[in-house]
């Protein structure tokens, strides 16, 4: 497996990274919000939750 930051061989001490520097770069990306999981807007999520349900008459 290669380092996800610089693609060098990993070091067991810093696995899955090759060095403390790459581990710190990855941590900084998490802390600054560079990594994010896309989410649907609340309106879109609400519509999807009720799809397939019958509306009351």
PDB file of N, CA and C in Angstrom:
ATOM      1  N   UNK A   1       0.849  -1.173   0.000  1.00  0.00           N
ATOM      2  CA  UNK A   1       0.000   0.000   0.000  1.00  0.00           C
ATOM      3  C   UNK A   1       0.900   1.243   0.000  1.00  0.00           C
ATOM      4  N   UNK A   2       0.495   2.233  -0.739  1.00  0.00           N
ATOM      5  CA  UNK A   2       1.278   3.467  -0.787  1.00  0.00           C
ATOM      6  C   UNK A   2       0.596   4.565   0.031  1.00  0.00           C
ATOM      7  N   UNK A   3       1.381   5.549   0.391  1.00  0.00           N
ATOM      8  CA  UNK A   3       0.892   6.685   1.174  1.00  0.00           C
ATOM      9  C   UNK A   3      -0.199   7.412   0.378  1.00  0.00           C
ATOM     10  N   UNK A   4      -1.348   7.695   0.991  1.00  0.00           N
ATOM     11  CA  UNK A   4      -2.426   8.377   0.266  1.00  0.00           C
ATOM     12  C   UNK A   4      -2.122   9.846  -0.060  1.00  0.00           C
ATOM     13  N   UNK A   5      -1.103  10.408   0.573  1.00  0.00           N
ATOM     14  CA  UNK A   5      -0.760  11.809   0.330  1.00  0.00           C
ATOM     15  C   UNK A   5       0.279  11.943  -0.781  1.00  0.00           C
ATOM     16  N   UNK A   6       1.400  11.196  -0.665  1.00  0.00           N
ATOM     17  CA  UNK A   6       2.484  11.373  -1.639  1.00  0.00           C
ATOM     18  C   UNK A   6       2.779  10.117  -2.467  1.00  0.00           C
ATOM     19  N   UNK A   7       2.115   9.027  -2.162  1.00  0.00           N
ATOM     20  CA  UNK A   7       2.226   7.758  -2.885  1.00  0.00           C
ATOM     21  C   UNK A   7       3.563   7.035  -2.711  1.00  0.00           C
ATOM     22  N   UNK A   8       4.368   7.407  -1.713  1.00  0.00           N
ATOM     23  CA  UNK A   8       5.587   6.659  -1.385  1.00  0.00           C
ATOM     24  C   UNK A   8       5.204   5.422  -0.587  1.00  0.00           C
ATOM     25  N   UNK A   9       6.174   4.547  -0.369  1.00  0.00           N
ATOM     26  CA  UNK A   9       5.946   3.354   0.450  1.00  0.00           C
ATOM     27  C   UNK A   9       5.621   3.774   1.891  1.00  0.00           C
ATOM     28  N   UNK A  10       4.727   3.053   2.538  1.00  0.00           N
ATOM     29  CA  UNK A  10       4.327   3.414   3.897  1.00  0.00           C
ATOM     30  C   UNK A  10       5.376   2.990   4.917  1.00  0.00           C
ATOM     31  N   UNK A  11       5.374   3.676   6.049  1.00  0.00           N
ATOM     32  CA  UNK A  11       6.230   3.352   7.180  1.00  0.00           C
ATOM     33  C   UNK A  11       5.321   2.771   8.255  1.00  0.00           C
ATOM     34  N   UNK A  12       5.643   1.590   8.792  1.00  0.00           N
ATOM     35  CA  UNK A  12       4.771   0.978   9.802  1.00  0.00           C
ATOM     36  C   UNK A  12       4.482   1.902  10.991  1.00  0.00           C
ATOM     37  N   UNK A  13       5.413   2.780  11.327  1.00  0.00           N
ATOM     38  CA  UNK A  13       5.218   3.699  12.453  1.00  0.00           C
ATOM     39  C   UNK A  13       4.108   4.719  12.164  1.00  0.00           C
ATOM     40  N   UNK A  14       3.927   5.082  10.894  1.00  0.00           N
ATOM     41  CA  UNK A  14       2.953   6.116  10.521  1.00  0.00           C
ATOM     42  C   UNK A  14       1.841   5.583   9.628  1.00  0.00           C
ATOM     43  N   UNK A  15       1.702   4.286   9.552  1.00  0.00           N
ATOM     44  CA  UNK A  15       0.740   3.651   8.659  1.00  0.00           C
ATOM     45  C   UNK A  15      -0.634   4.291   8.745  1.00  0.00           C
ATOM     46  N   UNK A  16      -1.303   4.622   7.700  1.00  0.00           N
ATOM     47  CA  UNK A  16      -1.057   4.285   6.301  1.00  0.00           C
ATOM     48  C   UNK A  16      -0.185   5.310   5.575  1.00  0.00           C
ATOM     49  N   UNK A  17       0.483   6.184   6.316  1.00  0.00           N
ATOM     50  CA  UNK A  17       1.303   7.229   5.703  1.00  0.00           C
ATOM     51  C   UNK A  17       2.769   6.818   5.686  1.00  0.00           C
ATOM     52  N   UNK A  18       3.586   7.602   4.989  1.00  0.00           N
ATOM     53  CA  UNK A  18       5.016   7.301   4.898  1.00  0.00           C
ATOM     54  C   UNK A  18       5.815   8.059   5.945  1.00  0.00           C
ATOM     55  N   UNK A  19       5.232   9.120   6.495  1.00  0.00           N
ATOM     56  CA  UNK A  19       5.974   9.955   7.448  1.00  0.00           C
ATOM     57  C   UNK A  19       4.999  10.749   8.309  1.00  0.00           C
ATOM     58  N   UNK A  20       5.546  11.361   9.362  1.00  0.00           N
ATOM     59  CA  UNK A  20       4.737  12.226  10.219  1.00  0.00           C
ATOM     60  C   UNK A  20       4.223  13.423   9.413  1.00  0.00           C
ATOM     61  N   UNK A  21       5.038  13.911   8.482  1.00  0.00           N
ATOM     62  CA  UNK A  21       4.620  15.045   7.661  1.00  0.00           C
ATOM     63  C   UNK A  21       3.340  14.729   6.898  1.00  0.00           C
ATOM     64  N   UNK A  22       3.289  13.569   6.229  1.00  0.00           N
ATOM     65  CA  UNK A  22       2.093  13.209   5.467  1.00  0.00           C
ATOM     66  C   UNK A  22       0.902  12.967   6.389  1.00  0.00           C
ATOM     67  N   UNK A  23       1.151  12.392   7.566  1.00  0.00           N
ATOM     68  CA  UNK A  23       0.067  12.210   8.538  1.00  0.00           C
ATOM     69  C   UNK A  23      -0.483  13.571   8.969  1.00  0.00           C
ATOM     70  N   UNK A  24       0.406  14.541   9.177  1.00  0.00           N
ATOM     71  CA  UNK A  24      -0.021  15.887   9.576  1.00  0.00           C
ATOM     72  C   UNK A  24      -0.762  16.600   8.443  1.00  0.00           C
ATOM     73  N   UNK A  25      -0.332  16.400   7.214  1.00  0.00           N
ATOM     74  CA  UNK A  25      -1.028  16.988   6.054  1.00  0.00           C
ATOM     75  C   UNK A  25      -2.456  16.441   6.001  1.00  0.00           C
ATOM     76  N   UNK A  26      -2.612  15.143   6.206  1.00  0.00           N
ATOM     77  CA  UNK A  26      -3.935  14.533   6.188  1.00  0.00           C
ATOM     78  C   UNK A  26      -4.799  15.077   7.325  1.00  0.00           C
ATOM     79  N   UNK A  27      -4.236  15.187   8.525  1.00  0.00           N
ATOM     80  CA  UNK A  27      -4.983  15.734   9.655  1.00  0.00           C
ATOM     81  C   UNK A  27      -5.427  17.166   9.373  1.00  0.00           C
ATOM     82  N   UNK A  28      -4.545  17.961   8.793  1.00  0.00           N
ATOM     83  CA  UNK A  28      -4.897  19.347   8.459  1.00  0.00           C
ATOM     84  C   UNK A  28      -6.055  19.397   7.470  1.00  0.00           C
ATOM     85  N   UNK A  29      -6.088  18.473   6.514  1.00  0.00           N
ATOM     86  CA  UNK A  29      -7.206  18.439   5.554  1.00  0.00           C
ATOM     87  C   UNK A  29      -8.515  18.148   6.262  1.00  0.00           C
ATOM     88  N   UNK A  30      -8.493  17.245   7.246  1.00  0.00           N
ATOM     89  CA  UNK A  30      -9.714  16.960   8.009  1.00  0.00           C
ATOM     90  C   UNK A  30     -10.134  18.175   8.826  1.00  0.00           C
ATOM     91  N   UNK A  31      -9.172  18.812   9.496  1.00  0.00           N
ATOM     92  CA  UNK A  31      -9.496  19.933  10.376  1.00  0.00           C
ATOM     93  C   UNK A  31      -9.981  21.169   9.636  1.00  0.00           C
ATOM     94  N   UNK A  32      -9.521  21.357   8.408  1.00  0.00           N
ATOM     95  CA  UNK A  32      -9.942  22.541   7.648  1.00  0.00           C
ATOM     96  C   UNK A  32     -11.191  22.284   6.814  1.00  0.00           C
ATOM     97  N   UNK A  33     -11.673  21.041   6.809  1.00  0.00           N
ATOM     98  CA  UNK A  33     -12.885  20.739   6.060  1.00  0.00           C
ATOM     99  C   UNK A  33     -12.632  20.403   4.600  1.00  0.00           C
ATOM    100  N   UNK A  34     -11.391  20.160   4.234  1.00  0.00           N
ATOM    101  CA  UNK A  34     -11.098  19.791   2.843  1.00  0.00           C
ATOM    102  C   UNK A  34     -11.720  18.454   2.478  1.00  0.00           C
ATOM    103  N   UNK A  35     -11.798  17.570   3.465  1.00  0.00           N
ATOM    104  CA  UNK A  35     -12.480  16.296   3.260  1.00  0.00           C
ATOM    105  C   UNK A  35     -13.911  16.477   3.746  1.00  0.00           C
ATOM    106  N   UNK A  36     -14.869  16.133   2.938  1.00  0.00           N
ATOM    107  CA  UNK A  36     -16.264  16.249   3.345  1.00  0.00           C
ATOM    108  C   UNK A  36     -17.076  15.176   2.642  1.00  0.00           C
ATOM    109  N   UNK A  37     -18.078  14.702   3.322  1.00  0.00           N
ATOM    110  CA  UNK A  37     -18.990  13.724   2.753  1.00  0.00           C
ATOM    111  C   UNK A  37     -20.168  14.501   2.189  1.00  0.00           C
ATOM    112  N   UNK A  38     -20.452  14.363   0.882  1.00  0.00           N
ATOM    113  CA  UNK A  38     -21.573  15.101   0.305  1.00  0.00           C
ATOM    114  C   UNK A  38     -22.896  14.669   0.932  1.00  0.00           C
ATOM    115  N   UNK A  39     -23.737  15.631   1.157  1.00  0.00           N
ATOM    116  CA  UNK A  39     -25.044  15.348   1.741  1.00  0.00           C
ATOM    117  C   UNK A  39     -26.123  16.059   0.937  1.00  0.00           C
ATOM    118  N   UNK A  40     -27.295  15.481   0.925  1.00  0.00           N
ATOM    119  CA  UNK A  40     -28.428  16.098   0.244  1.00  0.00           C
ATOM    120  C   UNK A  40     -28.959  17.238   1.101  1.00  0.00           C
ATOM    121  N   UNK A  41     -29.559  18.220   0.460  1.00  0.00           N
ATOM    122  CA  UNK A  41     -30.161  19.315   1.216  1.00  0.00           C
ATOM    123  C   UNK A  41     -31.325  18.772   2.040  1.00  0.00           C
ATOM    124  N   UNK A  42     -31.736  19.508   3.068  1.00  0.00           N
ATOM    125  CA  UNK A  42     -32.822  19.043   3.930  1.00  0.00           C
ATOM    126  C   UNK A  42     -34.116  18.833   3.154  1.00  0.00           C
ATOM    127  N   UNK A  43     -34.446  19.759   2.246  1.00  0.00           N
ATOM    128  CA  UNK A  43     -35.670  19.621   1.461  1.00  0.00           C
ATOM    129  C   UNK A  43     -35.634  18.357   0.621  1.00  0.00           C
ATOM    130  N   UNK A  44     -34.515  18.122  -0.031  1.00  0.00           N
ATOM    131  CA  UNK A  44     -34.376  16.950  -0.883  1.00  0.00           C
ATOM    132  C   UNK A  44     -34.442  15.682  -0.026  1.00  0.00           C
ATOM    133  N   UNK A  45     -33.813  15.684   1.130  1.00  0.00           N
ATOM    134  CA  UNK A  45     -33.825  14.517   2.006  1.00  0.00           C
ATOM    135  C   UNK A  45     -35.244  14.241   2.496  1.00  0.00           C
ATOM    136  N   UNK A  46     -35.999  15.295   2.848  1.00  0.00           N
ATOM    137  CA  UNK A  46     -37.374  15.106   3.301  1.00  0.00           C
ATOM    138  C   UNK A  46     -38.238  14.498   2.206  1.00  0.00           C
ATOM    139  N   UNK A  47     -38.089  14.975   0.983  1.00  0.00           N
ATOM    140  CA  UNK A  47     -38.851  14.435  -0.139  1.00  0.00           C
ATOM    141  C   UNK A  47     -38.535  12.962  -0.354  1.00  0.00           C
ATOM    142  N   UNK A  48     -37.259  12.602  -0.241  1.00  0.00           N
ATOM    143  CA  UNK A  48     -36.853  11.218  -0.446  1.00  0.00           C
ATOM    144  C   UNK A  48     -37.386  10.319   0.661  1.00  0.00           C
ATOM    145  N   UNK A  49     -37.488  10.845   1.885  1.00  0.00           N
ATOM    146  CA  UNK A  49     -37.990  10.044   3.006  1.00  0.00           C
ATOM    147  C   UNK A  49     -39.443   9.631   2.787  1.00  0.00           C
ATOM    148  N   UNK A  50     -40.212  10.472   2.104  1.00  0.00           N
ATOM    149  CA  UNK A  50     -41.634  10.209   1.958  1.00  0.00           C
ATOM    150  C   UNK A  50     -42.012   9.633   0.603  1.00  0.00           C
ATOM    151  N   UNK A  51     -41.064   9.373  -0.261  1.00  0.00           N
ATOM    152  CA  UNK A  51     -41.384   8.785  -1.548  1.00  0.00           C
ATOM    153  C   UNK A  51     -41.935   7.379  -1.334  1.00  0.00           C
ATOM    154  N   UNK A  52     -42.969   7.058  -2.009  1.00  0.00           N
ATOM    155  CA  UNK A  52     -43.562   5.730  -1.920  1.00  0.00           C
ATOM    156  C   UNK A  52     -44.604   5.626  -0.832  1.00  0.00           C
ATOM    157  N   UNK A  53     -44.710   6.623   0.012  1.00  0.00           N
ATOM    158  CA  UNK A  53     -45.755   6.598   1.052  1.00  0.00           C
ATOM    159  C   UNK A  53     -47.004   7.282   0.514  1.00  0.00           C
ATOM    160  N   UNK A  54     -48.140   6.755   0.875  1.00  0.00           N
ATOM    161  CA  UNK A  54     -49.396   7.368   0.437  1.00  0.00           C
ATOM    162  C   UNK A  54     -49.638   8.627   1.238  1.00  0.00           C
ATOM    163  N   UNK A  55     -50.160   9.641   0.572  1.00  0.00           N
ATOM    164  CA  UNK A  55     -50.527  10.864   1.263  1.00  0.00           C
ATOM    165  C   UNK A  55     -51.893  10.681   1.884  1.00  0.00           C
ATOM    166  N   UNK A  56     -52.124  11.238   3.103  1.00  0.00           N
ATOM    167  CA  UNK A  56     -53.454  11.126   3.714  1.00  0.00           C
ATOM    168  C   UNK A  56     -54.499  11.870   2.887  1.00  0.00           C
ATOM    169  N   UNK A  57     -55.693  11.354   2.862  1.00  0.00           N
ATOM    170  CA  UNK A  57     -56.772  11.978   2.085  1.00  0.00           C
ATOM    171  C   UNK A  57     -57.482  13.013   2.884  1.00  0.00           C
TER     172      UNK A  57
END
